[in-house]
Amino acid sequence: MPAPTNAQLVEFYKDMLLARRFEERCGQLYVQQKFSGFCHLYIGQEAVSTGSLNAIRKGQDYVISGYRDHVQPITLGMTPREVMAEMLGKATGCASGRGGSMHMFSSKLRYLGGHGIVGGQVPLAAGVGWKIKSMKEDLVILCFMGDAAINQGQFHEALNMAAIWDLPCIFIIENNLYGMGTAISRTCSLNVLADRAKGYNMRQAVVDGRNVLNTYAQMYEIVEETRKTSKPILVEMQTYRFRGHSMSDPQTYRLKEEVERERQQDCLQTLRDHMVAQKVATDDDFDKWEEEISEIVEDSVTFAEESPEPELHTIFDHVLAP
């Protein structure tokens, strides 16, 4: 795999910066009661999305996720306007205001949604893998899940089927060390979560999800190998979330010192340091991008707030397939 070009490095940084600022703004809007319900922010995990989704054929390969799902569709090409409008339940949102925070969706981008049931997306990913194989398509599906999802029954059933039938599924555990407020070390007997793959004679990999360049490089190889062999793999992305599990999380289960220690490995700062060292960008460049991203985020907020709510007469639309 060729090393990322300088232009790609810039795009990686801007993508992660947009994700970070977008999520921070979502958190502010939630506190201001602009929308309600559950809201799970991706702050700290941006390298996983950026590195992984830039390693696939966007708009062709399939992607499915859990409920921490605001950032991935933007990386795939959805406009921040569509995502923010969906957050606020507006008709201009990507799911016409039906989904909200946990259920982003785009058939055009082949983003098959955030899913609110823990691990519920995993058997759906196996189903897509079956479709790809039966139609003899040169495609893969990426299935993102939290670390706590690996203890759900459907996770095991889906991986077993994917292994038996040789389905081109890339199952990605975003191991941020906590399932809600419980350390994964208290709920899983394995030190390496990817070792779950051994029970299904499945390939496995562990990726440094705190570094976007490592993530991109490893995921590129994983994606191409999966495309070539049509065999599934279980990938453990080692990452960390800087905010709580959701907006209602008081975070009493972890020390502030732990969070600050993890912030020393912030994926944004790591890439910035690399770009400065390689003379790819200057402080002026970073300041300019910060300004650009801020304008994009604020534009998405204005668009969402000014967008109409779904009309009452459309309440039964999209309930059943035609």
C-alpha atoms as a PDB file:
ATOM      1  CA  MET A   1       0.000   0.000   0.000  1.00  0.00           C
ATOM      2  CA  PRO A   2       1.439   3.419  -0.915  1.00  0.00           C
ATOM      3  CA  ALA A   3       1.919   5.863   1.957  1.00  0.00           C
ATOM      4  CA  PRO A   4      -0.744   8.586   2.218  1.00  0.00           C
ATOM      5  CA  THR A   5       0.052  11.670   0.178  1.00  0.00           C
ATOM      6  CA  ASN A   6       0.309  15.111   1.768  1.00  0.00           C
ATOM      7  CA  ALA A   7      -3.137  15.899   0.363  1.00  0.00           C
ATOM      8  CA  GLN A   8      -4.541  12.779   2.046  1.00  0.00           C
ATOM      9  CA  LEU A   9      -2.970  13.774   5.358  1.00  0.00           C
ATOM     10  CA  VAL A  10      -4.698  17.130   5.123  1.00  0.00           C
ATOM     11  CA  GLU A  11      -8.022  15.437   4.358  1.00  0.00           C
ATOM     12  CA  PHE A  12      -7.584  13.018   7.269  1.00  0.00           C
ATOM     13  CA  TYR A  13      -6.926  15.907   9.647  1.00  0.00           C
ATOM     14  CA  LYS A  14      -9.830  17.998   8.392  1.00  0.00           C
ATOM     15  CA  ASP A  15     -12.146  14.997   8.549  1.00  0.00           C
ATOM     16  CA  MET A  16     -11.256  14.295  12.186  1.00  0.00           C
ATOM     17  CA  LEU A  17     -11.417  17.982  13.099  1.00  0.00           C
ATOM     18  CA  LEU A  18     -14.890  18.266  11.557  1.00  0.00           C
ATOM     19  CA  ALA A  19     -15.965  15.183  13.485  1.00  0.00           C
ATOM     20  CA  ARG A  20     -14.629  16.616  16.751  1.00  0.00           C
ATOM     21  CA  ARG A  21     -16.176  20.073  16.362  1.00  0.00           C
ATOM     22  CA  PHE A  22     -19.462  18.642  15.090  1.00  0.00           C
ATOM     23  CA  GLU A  23     -19.785  16.385  18.125  1.00  0.00           C
ATOM     24  CA  GLU A  24     -18.855  19.169  20.525  1.00  0.00           C
ATOM     25  CA  ARG A  25     -21.622  21.286  19.002  1.00  0.00           C
ATOM     26  CA  CYS A  26     -24.087  18.407  19.303  1.00  0.00           C
ATOM     27  CA  GLY A  27     -23.247  18.207  22.989  1.00  0.00           C
ATOM     28  CA  GLN A  28     -23.945  21.921  23.413  1.00  0.00           C
ATOM     29  CA  LEU A  29     -27.271  21.679  21.590  1.00  0.00           C
ATOM     30  CA  TYR A  30     -28.304  18.749  23.764  1.00  0.00           C
ATOM     31  CA  VAL A  31     -27.597  20.741  26.935  1.00  0.00           C
ATOM     32  CA  GLN A  32     -29.632  23.603  25.439  1.00  0.00           C
ATOM     33  CA  GLN A  33     -32.483  21.086  24.988  1.00  0.00           C
ATOM     34  CA  LYS A  34     -32.593  21.571  21.208  1.00  0.00           C
ATOM     35  CA  PHE A  35     -33.200  17.811  21.016  1.00  0.00           C
ATOM     36  CA  SER A  36     -33.735  15.035  23.541  1.00  0.00           C
ATOM     37  CA  GLY A  37     -33.442  11.288  23.941  1.00  0.00           C
ATOM     38  CA  PHE A  38     -30.130   9.469  23.877  1.00  0.00           C
ATOM     39  CA  CYS A  39     -26.993  11.073  22.460  1.00  0.00           C
ATOM     40  CA  HIS A  40     -23.660   9.254  22.269  1.00  0.00           C
ATOM     41  CA  LEU A  41     -20.667  11.370  21.216  1.00  0.00           C
ATOM     42  CA  TYR A  42     -17.646  10.078  19.292  1.00  0.00           C
ATOM     43  CA  ILE A  43     -15.113  12.487  20.787  1.00  0.00           C
ATOM     44  CA  GLY A  44     -11.729  10.750  21.042  1.00  0.00           C
ATOM     45  CA  GLN A  45     -12.481   7.950  18.579  1.00  0.00           C
ATOM     46  CA  GLU A  46     -12.272   9.928  15.328  1.00  0.00           C
ATOM     47  CA  ALA A  47      -9.190   8.100  14.016  1.00  0.00           C
ATOM     48  CA  VAL A  48     -11.162   4.842  13.893  1.00  0.00           C
ATOM     49  CA  SER A  49     -13.802   6.254  11.561  1.00  0.00           C
ATOM     50  CA  THR A  50     -11.436   8.300   9.405  1.00  0.00           C
ATOM     51  CA  GLY A  51      -8.817   5.580   9.057  1.00  0.00           C
ATOM     52  CA  SER A  52     -11.268   2.759   8.398  1.00  0.00           C
ATOM     53  CA  LEU A  53     -13.688   4.464   6.031  1.00  0.00           C
ATOM     54  CA  ASN A  54     -10.950   5.943   3.866  1.00  0.00           C
ATOM     55  CA  ALA A  55      -9.705   2.389   3.297  1.00  0.00           C
ATOM     56  CA  ILE A  56     -12.898   1.242   1.550  1.00  0.00           C
ATOM     57  CA  ARG A  57     -14.676   2.116  -1.694  1.00  0.00           C
ATOM     58  CA  LYS A  58     -17.013   4.800  -0.415  1.00  0.00           C
ATOM     59  CA  GLY A  59     -20.528   4.490  -1.765  1.00  0.00           C
ATOM     60  CA  GLN A  60     -19.912   0.925  -2.924  1.00  0.00           C
ATOM     61  CA  ASP A  61     -18.824  -1.066   0.119  1.00  0.00           C
ATOM     62  CA  TYR A  62     -21.390  -1.310   2.902  1.00  0.00           C
ATOM     63  CA  VAL A  63     -21.091   0.139   6.424  1.00  0.00           C
ATOM     64  CA  ILE A  64     -23.284  -0.519   9.454  1.00  0.00           C
ATOM     65  CA  SER A  65     -22.850   0.664  13.025  1.00  0.00           C
ATOM     66  CA  GLY A  66     -24.201   0.978  16.537  1.00  0.00           C
ATOM     67  CA  TYR A  67     -25.650   4.120  18.059  1.00  0.00           C
ATOM     68  CA  ARG A  68     -22.422   6.198  18.225  1.00  0.00           C
ATOM     69  CA  ASP A  69     -23.093   7.035  14.610  1.00  0.00           C
ATOM     70  CA  HIS A  70     -22.977  10.774  13.847  1.00  0.00           C
ATOM     71  CA  VAL A  71     -19.419  10.882  12.509  1.00  0.00           C
ATOM     72  CA  GLN A  72     -19.262   7.869  10.176  1.00  0.00           C
ATOM     73  CA  PRO A  73     -21.832   9.072   7.620  1.00  0.00           C
ATOM     74  CA  ILE A  74     -20.059  12.440   7.358  1.00  0.00           C
ATOM     75  CA  THR A  75     -16.785  10.637   6.652  1.00  0.00           C
ATOM     76  CA  LEU A  76     -18.610   8.671   3.946  1.00  0.00           C
ATOM     77  CA  GLY A  77     -19.851  11.854   2.295  1.00  0.00           C
ATOM     78  CA  MET A  78     -23.104  12.824   3.997  1.00  0.00           C
ATOM     79  CA  THR A  79     -23.358  16.566   4.563  1.00  0.00           C
ATOM     80  CA  PRO A  80     -23.155  17.860   8.140  1.00  0.00           C
ATOM     81  CA  ARG A  81     -26.459  19.597   7.379  1.00  0.00           C
ATOM     82  CA  GLU A  82     -28.237  16.268   6.855  1.00  0.00           C
ATOM     83  CA  VAL A  83     -26.801  14.793  10.042  1.00  0.00           C
ATOM     84  CA  MET A  84     -27.531  17.837  12.204  1.00  0.00           C
ATOM     85  CA  ALA A  85     -31.069  18.098  10.843  1.00  0.00           C
ATOM     86  CA  GLU A  86     -31.621  14.456  11.718  1.00  0.00           C
ATOM     87  CA  MET A  87     -30.285  15.109  15.217  1.00  0.00           C
ATOM     88  CA  LEU A  88     -32.968  17.769  15.644  1.00  0.00           C
ATOM     89  CA  GLY A  89     -35.680  15.563  14.134  1.00  0.00           C
ATOM     90  CA  LYS A  90     -36.227  17.740  11.077  1.00  0.00           C
ATOM     91  CA  ALA A  91     -37.698  16.725   7.715  1.00  0.00           C
ATOM     92  CA  THR A  92     -34.432  17.620   5.954  1.00  0.00           C
ATOM     93  CA  GLY A  93     -32.492  15.047   7.969  1.00  0.00           C
ATOM     94  CA  CYS A  94     -30.983  11.936   6.395  1.00  0.00           C
ATOM     95  CA  ALA A  95     -33.867   9.821   7.726  1.00  0.00           C
ATOM     96  CA  SER A  96     -36.489  12.569   7.339  1.00  0.00           C
ATOM     97  CA  GLY A  97     -36.419  13.206  11.068  1.00  0.00           C
ATOM     98  CA  ARG A  98     -37.527   9.649  11.896  1.00  0.00           C
ATOM     99  CA  GLY A  99     -34.274   8.383  13.343  1.00  0.00           C
ATOM    100  CA  GLY A 100     -32.590  11.034  15.419  1.00  0.00           C
ATOM    101  CA  SER A 101     -29.214  10.625  17.076  1.00  0.00           C
ATOM    102  CA  MET A 102     -29.016   6.828  17.059  1.00  0.00           C
ATOM    103  CA  HIS A 103     -30.363   6.055  13.592  1.00  0.00           C
ATOM    104  CA  MET A 104     -28.482   7.836  10.818  1.00  0.00           C
ATOM    105  CA  PHE A 105     -29.020   6.174   7.432  1.00  0.00           C
ATOM    106  CA  SER A 106     -28.232   6.545   3.740  1.00  0.00           C
ATOM    107  CA  SER A 107     -29.013   3.987   1.057  1.00  0.00           C
ATOM    108  CA  LYS A 108     -27.092   6.135  -1.444  1.00  0.00           C
ATOM    109  CA  LEU A 109     -23.908   5.941   0.626  1.00  0.00           C
ATOM    110  CA  ARG A 110     -24.660   2.333   1.597  1.00  0.00           C
ATOM    111  CA  TYR A 111     -24.587   3.383   5.235  1.00  0.00           C
ATOM    112  CA  LEU A 112     -27.087   0.976   6.729  1.00  0.00           C
ATOM    113  CA  GLY A 113     -27.606   2.805   9.914  1.00  0.00           C
ATOM    114  CA  GLY A 114     -26.841   3.304  13.459  1.00  0.00           C
ATOM    115  CA  HIS A 115     -28.688   0.742  15.570  1.00  0.00           C
ATOM    116  CA  GLY A 116     -29.905   1.304  19.102  1.00  0.00           C
ATOM    117  CA  ILE A 117     -29.885  -2.332  20.234  1.00  0.00           C
ATOM    118  CA  VAL A 118     -26.458  -3.339  21.510  1.00  0.00           C
ATOM    119  CA  GLY A 119     -25.028  -5.795  18.988  1.00  0.00           C
ATOM    120  CA  GLY A 120     -28.202  -5.699  16.893  1.00  0.00           C
ATOM    121  CA  GLN A 121     -26.278  -4.625  13.798  1.00  0.00           C
ATOM    122  CA  VAL A 122     -23.966  -7.666  13.816  1.00  0.00           C
ATOM    123  CA  PRO A 123     -26.377 -10.271  12.363  1.00  0.00           C
ATOM    124  CA  LEU A 124     -27.565  -7.641   9.873  1.00  0.00           C
ATOM    125  CA  ALA A 125     -23.968  -7.303   8.704  1.00  0.00           C
ATOM    126  CA  ALA A 126     -23.784 -11.062   8.222  1.00  0.00           C
ATOM    127  CA  GLY A 127     -26.936 -10.801   6.125  1.00  0.00           C
ATOM    128  CA  VAL A 128     -25.334  -8.156   3.926  1.00  0.00           C
ATOM    129  CA  GLY A 129     -22.249 -10.350   3.631  1.00  0.00           C
ATOM    130  CA  TRP A 130     -24.494 -13.162   2.422  1.00  0.00           C
ATOM    131  CA  LYS A 131     -26.034 -10.821  -0.166  1.00  0.00           C
ATOM    132  CA  ILE A 132     -22.594  -9.758  -1.412  1.00  0.00           C
ATOM    133  CA  LYS A 133     -21.455 -13.358  -1.756  1.00  0.00           C
ATOM    134  CA  SER A 134     -24.627 -14.690  -3.348  1.00  0.00           C
ATOM    135  CA  MET A 135     -24.637 -11.830  -5.884  1.00  0.00           C
ATOM    136  CA  LYS A 136     -20.904 -12.383  -6.544  1.00  0.00           C
ATOM    137  CA  GLU A 137     -20.121  -8.715  -5.853  1.00  0.00           C
ATOM    138  CA  ASP A 138     -16.589  -7.418  -5.354  1.00  0.00           C
ATOM    139  CA  LEU A 139     -17.542  -5.741  -2.083  1.00  0.00           C
ATOM    140  CA  VAL A 140     -17.149  -5.934   1.689  1.00  0.00           C
ATOM    141  CA  ILE A 141     -19.154  -4.749   4.679  1.00  0.00           C
ATOM    142  CA  LEU A 142     -17.692  -2.995   7.707  1.00  0.00           C
ATOM    143  CA  CYS A 143     -19.634  -3.559  10.921  1.00  0.00           C
ATOM    144  CA  PHE A 144     -18.739  -1.238  13.812  1.00  0.00           C
ATOM    145  CA  MET A 145     -19.702  -2.157  17.372  1.00  0.00           C
ATOM    146  CA  GLY A 146     -18.798  -1.219  20.926  1.00  0.00           C
ATOM    147  CA  ASP A 147     -16.765  -3.546  23.116  1.00  0.00           C
ATOM    148  CA  ALA A 148     -19.802  -4.548  25.191  1.00  0.00           C
ATOM    149  CA  ALA A 149     -21.506  -5.917  22.067  1.00  0.00           C
ATOM    150  CA  ILE A 150     -19.171  -8.922  22.035  1.00  0.00           C
ATOM    151  CA  ASN A 151     -21.022 -10.386  25.022  1.00  0.00           C
ATOM    152  CA  GLN A 152     -24.372 -10.403  23.223  1.00  0.00           C
ATOM    153  CA  GLY A 153     -25.761 -13.679  21.897  1.00  0.00           C
ATOM    154  CA  GLN A 154     -26.354 -12.391  18.380  1.00  0.00           C
ATOM    155  CA  PHE A 155     -22.673 -11.453  18.100  1.00  0.00           C
ATOM    156  CA  HIS A 156     -21.642 -15.083  18.494  1.00  0.00           C
ATOM    157  CA  GLU A 157     -24.369 -16.409  16.223  1.00  0.00           C
ATOM    158  CA  ALA A 158     -23.503 -13.933  13.465  1.00  0.00           C
ATOM    159  CA  LEU A 159     -19.750 -14.561  13.613  1.00  0.00           C
ATOM    160  CA  ASN A 160     -20.338 -18.308  13.555  1.00  0.00           C
ATOM    161  CA  MET A 161     -22.449 -18.002  10.396  1.00  0.00           C
ATOM    162  CA  ALA A 162     -19.994 -15.603   8.764  1.00  0.00           C
ATOM    163  CA  ALA A 163     -17.148 -18.050   9.401  1.00  0.00           C
ATOM    164  CA  ILE A 164     -19.048 -21.112   8.177  1.00  0.00           C
ATOM    165  CA  TRP A 165     -20.239 -19.414   4.989  1.00  0.00           C
ATOM    166  CA  ASP A 166     -17.070 -17.380   4.270  1.00  0.00           C
ATOM    167  CA  LEU A 167     -18.800 -14.013   4.224  1.00  0.00           C
ATOM    168  CA  PRO A 168     -16.824 -10.817   3.385  1.00  0.00           C
ATOM    169  CA  CYS A 169     -17.587  -9.170   6.740  1.00  0.00           C
ATOM    170  CA  ILE A 170     -15.145  -6.992   8.657  1.00  0.00           C
ATOM    171  CA  PHE A 171     -16.390  -6.916  12.244  1.00  0.00           C
ATOM    172  CA  ILE A 172     -14.821  -3.954  14.082  1.00  0.00           C
ATOM    173  CA  ILE A 173     -14.834  -3.734  17.877  1.00  0.00           C
ATOM    174  CA  GLU A 174     -14.279  -0.131  18.960  1.00  0.00           C
ATOM    175  CA  ASN A 175     -12.699  -0.981  22.283  1.00  0.00           C
ATOM    176  CA  ASN A 176     -12.860   2.253  24.285  1.00  0.00           C
ATOM    177  CA  LEU A 177     -12.420   0.223  27.497  1.00  0.00           C
ATOM    178  CA  TYR A 178     -15.945   0.766  28.843  1.00  0.00           C
ATOM    179  CA  GLY A 179     -19.378  -0.649  28.132  1.00  0.00           C
ATOM    180  CA  MET A 180     -21.520   2.200  29.452  1.00  0.00           C
ATOM    181  CA  GLY A 181     -20.093   2.629  32.969  1.00  0.00           C
ATOM    182  CA  THR A 182     -18.494  -0.797  33.365  1.00  0.00           C
ATOM    183  CA  ALA A 183     -14.870  -1.539  32.485  1.00  0.00           C
ATOM    184  CA  ILE A 184     -14.673  -4.223  29.807  1.00  0.00           C
ATOM    185  CA  SER A 185     -12.083  -6.007  31.978  1.00  0.00           C
ATOM    186  CA  ARG A 186     -14.915  -6.775  34.417  1.00  0.00           C
ATOM    187  CA  THR A 187     -17.207  -8.315  31.810  1.00  0.00           C
ATOM    188  CA  CYS A 188     -14.836 -10.163  29.455  1.00  0.00           C
ATOM    189  CA  SER A 189     -12.326 -12.843  30.434  1.00  0.00           C
ATOM    190  CA  LEU A 190     -10.013 -12.009  27.504  1.00  0.00           C
ATOM    191  CA  ASN A 191      -7.218  -9.461  27.579  1.00  0.00           C
ATOM    192  CA  VAL A 192      -7.343  -9.235  23.774  1.00  0.00           C
ATOM    193  CA  LEU A 193     -10.938  -8.938  22.601  1.00  0.00           C
ATOM    194  CA  ALA A 194     -10.001  -9.994  19.062  1.00  0.00           C
ATOM    195  CA  ASP A 195      -9.215 -13.438  20.479  1.00  0.00           C
ATOM    196  CA  ARG A 196     -12.952 -14.118  20.341  1.00  0.00           C
ATOM    197  CA  ALA A 197     -12.300 -14.876  16.657  1.00  0.00           C
ATOM    198  CA  LYS A 198     -10.427 -18.061  17.588  1.00  0.00           C
ATOM    199  CA  GLY A 199     -13.677 -19.715  18.611  1.00  0.00           C
ATOM    200  CA  TYR A 200     -14.851 -19.468  15.002  1.00  0.00           C
ATOM    201  CA  ASN A 201     -11.525 -20.213  13.260  1.00  0.00           C
ATOM    202  CA  MET A 202     -11.729 -16.635  11.988  1.00  0.00           C
ATOM    203  CA  ARG A 203      -8.958 -14.195  11.119  1.00  0.00           C
ATOM    204  CA  GLN A 204      -8.268 -11.495  13.690  1.00  0.00           C
ATOM    205  CA  ALA A 205      -6.325  -8.252  14.035  1.00  0.00           C
ATOM    206  CA  VAL A 206      -5.552  -5.630  16.667  1.00  0.00           C
ATOM    207  CA  VAL A 207      -5.249  -2.040  15.458  1.00  0.00           C
ATOM    208  CA  ASP A 208      -4.004   1.111  17.203  1.00  0.00           C
ATOM    209  CA  GLY A 209      -7.184   3.118  16.749  1.00  0.00           C
ATOM    210  CA  ARG A 210      -5.644   6.155  18.407  1.00  0.00           C
ATOM    211  CA  ASN A 211      -3.424   6.801  15.387  1.00  0.00           C
ATOM    212  CA  VAL A 212      -5.186   7.487  12.088  1.00  0.00           C
ATOM    213  CA  LEU A 213      -2.171   6.572   9.947  1.00  0.00           C
ATOM    214  CA  ASN A 214      -1.794   3.166  11.621  1.00  0.00           C
ATOM    215  CA  THR A 215      -5.536   2.629  11.351  1.00  0.00           C
ATOM    216  CA  TYR A 216      -5.636   3.513   7.666  1.00  0.00           C
ATOM    217  CA  ALA A 217      -2.613   1.358   6.796  1.00  0.00           C
ATOM    218  CA  GLN A 218      -3.845  -1.742   8.615  1.00  0.00           C
ATOM    219  CA  MET A 219      -7.451  -1.363   7.519  1.00  0.00           C
ATOM    220  CA  TYR A 220      -6.422  -0.931   3.880  1.00  0.00           C
ATOM    221  CA  GLU A 221      -4.668  -4.305   3.995  1.00  0.00           C
ATOM    222  CA  ILE A 222      -7.560  -5.910   5.892  1.00  0.00           C
ATOM    223  CA  VAL A 223     -10.159  -4.600   3.449  1.00  0.00           C
ATOM    224  CA  GLU A 224      -8.253  -5.754   0.374  1.00  0.00           C
ATOM    225  CA  GLU A 225      -7.538  -9.182   1.858  1.00  0.00           C
ATOM    226  CA  THR A 226     -11.204  -9.605   2.773  1.00  0.00           C
ATOM    227  CA  ARG A 227     -12.271  -8.530  -0.696  1.00  0.00           C
ATOM    228  CA  LYS A 228      -9.861 -11.062  -2.215  1.00  0.00           C
ATOM    229  CA  THR A 229     -10.628 -14.064   0.012  1.00  0.00           C
ATOM    230  CA  SER A 230     -14.275 -13.395   0.944  1.00  0.00           C
ATOM    231  CA  LYS A 231     -13.476 -14.518   4.466  1.00  0.00           C
ATOM    232  CA  PRO A 232     -14.541 -12.612   7.603  1.00  0.00           C
ATOM    233  CA  ILE A 233     -12.239 -11.027  10.159  1.00  0.00           C
ATOM    234  CA  LEU A 234     -12.652  -9.671  13.690  1.00  0.00           C
ATOM    235  CA  VAL A 235     -10.744  -6.418  14.256  1.00  0.00           C
ATOM    236  CA  GLU A 236     -10.153  -4.868  17.674  1.00  0.00           C
ATOM    237  CA  MET A 237      -9.662  -1.106  17.445  1.00  0.00           C
ATOM    238  CA  GLN A 238      -7.966   0.106  20.609  1.00  0.00           C
ATOM    239  CA  THR A 239      -9.339   3.572  21.289  1.00  0.00           C
ATOM    240  CA  TYR A 240     -10.807   5.756  24.044  1.00  0.00           C
ATOM    241  CA  ARG A 241     -13.716   8.142  24.425  1.00  0.00           C
ATOM    242  CA  PHE A 242     -12.991  11.421  26.162  1.00  0.00           C
ATOM    243  CA  ARG A 243     -16.629  12.056  27.043  1.00  0.00           C
ATOM    244  CA  GLY A 244     -19.181   9.906  28.835  1.00  0.00           C
ATOM    245  CA  HIS A 245     -21.023   6.962  27.362  1.00  0.00           C
ATOM    246  CA  SER A 246     -23.919   9.295  26.654  1.00  0.00           C
ATOM    247  CA  MET A 247     -24.834  12.852  27.567  1.00  0.00           C
ATOM    248  CA  SER A 248     -26.441  11.635  30.809  1.00  0.00           C
ATOM    249  CA  ASP A 249     -23.262   9.879  31.984  1.00  0.00           C
ATOM    250  CA  PRO A 250     -21.728  11.463  35.150  1.00  0.00           C
ATOM    251  CA  GLN A 251     -18.498   9.466  34.561  1.00  0.00           C
ATOM    252  CA  THR A 252     -18.046   8.529  38.213  1.00  0.00           C
ATOM    253  CA  TYR A 253     -16.539   5.161  37.246  1.00  0.00           C
ATOM    254  CA  ARG A 254     -13.194   6.494  36.011  1.00  0.00           C
ATOM    255  CA  LEU A 255     -10.627   8.921  37.349  1.00  0.00           C
ATOM    256  CA  LYS A 256     -10.013  12.300  35.742  1.00  0.00           C
ATOM    257  CA  GLU A 257      -6.327  11.407  35.719  1.00  0.00           C
ATOM    258  CA  GLU A 258      -7.081   8.459  33.446  1.00  0.00           C
ATOM    259  CA  VAL A 259      -8.918  10.642  30.964  1.00  0.00           C
ATOM    260  CA  GLU A 260      -6.131  13.230  30.971  1.00  0.00           C
ATOM    261  CA  ARG A 261      -3.558  10.496  30.435  1.00  0.00           C
ATOM    262  CA  GLU A 262      -5.488   9.242  27.425  1.00  0.00           C
ATOM    263  CA  ARG A 263      -5.745  12.781  26.046  1.00  0.00           C
ATOM    264  CA  GLN A 264      -1.969  12.687  25.624  1.00  0.00           C
ATOM    265  CA  GLN A 265      -2.670  10.291  22.748  1.00  0.00           C
ATOM    266  CA  ASP A 266      -5.368  12.463  21.140  1.00  0.00           C
ATOM    267  CA  CYS A 267      -5.571  11.396  17.484  1.00  0.00           C
ATOM    268  CA  LEU A 268      -5.887  15.009  16.310  1.00  0.00           C
ATOM    269  CA  GLN A 269      -2.755  16.154  18.094  1.00  0.00           C
ATOM    270  CA  THR A 270      -0.828  13.041  17.024  1.00  0.00           C
ATOM    271  CA  LEU A 271      -1.566  13.687  13.344  1.00  0.00           C
ATOM    272  CA  ARG A 272      -0.899  17.412  13.715  1.00  0.00           C
ATOM    273  CA  ASP A 273       2.520  16.733  15.227  1.00  0.00           C
ATOM    274  CA  HIS A 274       3.314  14.350  12.366  1.00  0.00           C
ATOM    275  CA  MET A 275       2.254  16.871   9.737  1.00  0.00           C
ATOM    276  CA  VAL A 276       4.339  19.636  11.300  1.00  0.00           C
ATOM    277  CA  ALA A 277       7.365  17.331  11.568  1.00  0.00           C
ATOM    278  CA  GLN A 278       6.981  16.359   7.894  1.00  0.00           C
ATOM    279  CA  LYS A 279       6.483  20.022   6.914  1.00  0.00           C
ATOM    280  CA  VAL A 280       3.068  19.202   5.459  1.00  0.00           C
ATOM    281  CA  ALA A 281       1.372  22.100   7.261  1.00  0.00           C
ATOM    282  CA  THR A 282       2.093  25.136   9.425  1.00  0.00           C
ATOM    283  CA  ASP A 283       0.287  26.624  12.408  1.00  0.00           C
ATOM    284  CA  ASP A 284      -1.355  29.097  10.016  1.00  0.00           C
ATOM    285  CA  ASP A 285      -2.789  26.163   8.038  1.00  0.00           C
ATOM    286  CA  PHE A 286      -4.253  24.598  11.154  1.00  0.00           C
ATOM    287  CA  ASP A 287      -5.765  27.928  12.207  1.00  0.00           C
ATOM    288  CA  LYS A 288      -7.314  28.324   8.747  1.00  0.00           C
ATOM    289  CA  TRP A 289      -8.815  24.822   8.831  1.00  0.00           C
ATOM    290  CA  GLU A 290     -10.201  25.462  12.301  1.00  0.00           C
ATOM    291  CA  GLU A 291     -11.989  28.511  10.938  1.00  0.00           C
ATOM    292  CA  GLU A 292     -13.318  26.634   7.900  1.00  0.00           C
ATOM    293  CA  ILE A 293     -14.609  23.757  10.009  1.00  0.00           C
ATOM    294  CA  SER A 294     -16.247  26.111  12.491  1.00  0.00           C
ATOM    295  CA  GLU A 295     -18.180  27.758   9.653  1.00  0.00           C
ATOM    296  CA  ILE A 296     -19.314  24.375   8.304  1.00  0.00           C
ATOM    297  CA  VAL A 297     -20.560  23.266  11.721  1.00  0.00           C
ATOM    298  CA  GLU A 298     -22.384  26.528  12.410  1.00  0.00           C
ATOM    299  CA  ASP A 299     -23.952  26.368   8.959  1.00  0.00           C
ATOM    300  CA  SER A 300     -25.268  22.887   9.770  1.00  0.00           C
ATOM    301  CA  VAL A 301     -26.793  24.154  13.012  1.00  0.00           C
ATOM    302  CA  THR A 302     -28.481  27.104  11.293  1.00  0.00           C
ATOM    303  CA  PHE A 303     -29.785  24.817   8.550  1.00  0.00           C
ATOM    304  CA  ALA A 304     -31.172  22.334  11.074  1.00  0.00           C
ATOM    305  CA  GLU A 305     -32.825  24.939  13.275  1.00  0.00           C
ATOM    306  CA  GLU A 306     -34.460  26.629  10.285  1.00  0.00           C
ATOM    307  CA  SER A 307     -35.624  23.361   8.697  1.00  0.00           C
ATOM    308  CA  PRO A 308     -39.279  22.293   9.036  1.00  0.00           C
ATOM    309  CA  GLU A 309     -40.438  19.448  11.197  1.00  0.00           C
ATOM    310  CA  PRO A 310     -42.012  16.452   9.398  1.00  0.00           C
ATOM    311  CA  GLU A 311     -45.614  17.081   8.336  1.00  0.00           C
ATOM    312  CA  LEU A 312     -48.183  15.247  10.425  1.00  0.00           C
ATOM    313  CA  HIS A 313     -49.745  13.628   7.350  1.00  0.00           C
ATOM    314  CA  THR A 314     -46.420  11.828   6.677  1.00  0.00           C
ATOM    315  CA  ILE A 315     -46.530   9.987   9.990  1.00  0.00           C
ATOM    316  CA  PHE A 316     -47.132   6.607   8.326  1.00  0.00           C
ATOM    317  CA  ASP A 317     -44.592   7.117   5.524  1.00  0.00           C
ATOM    318  CA  HIS A 318     -41.563   4.804   5.479  1.00  0.00           C
ATOM    319  CA  VAL A 319     -43.146   2.359   7.929  1.00  0.00           C
ATOM    320  CA  LEU A 320     -43.515  -0.474   5.427  1.00  0.00           C
ATOM    321  CA  ALA A 321     -41.588  -1.224   2.249  1.00  0.00           C
ATOM    322  CA  PRO A 322     -43.528  -0.535  -0.967  1.00  0.00           C
END
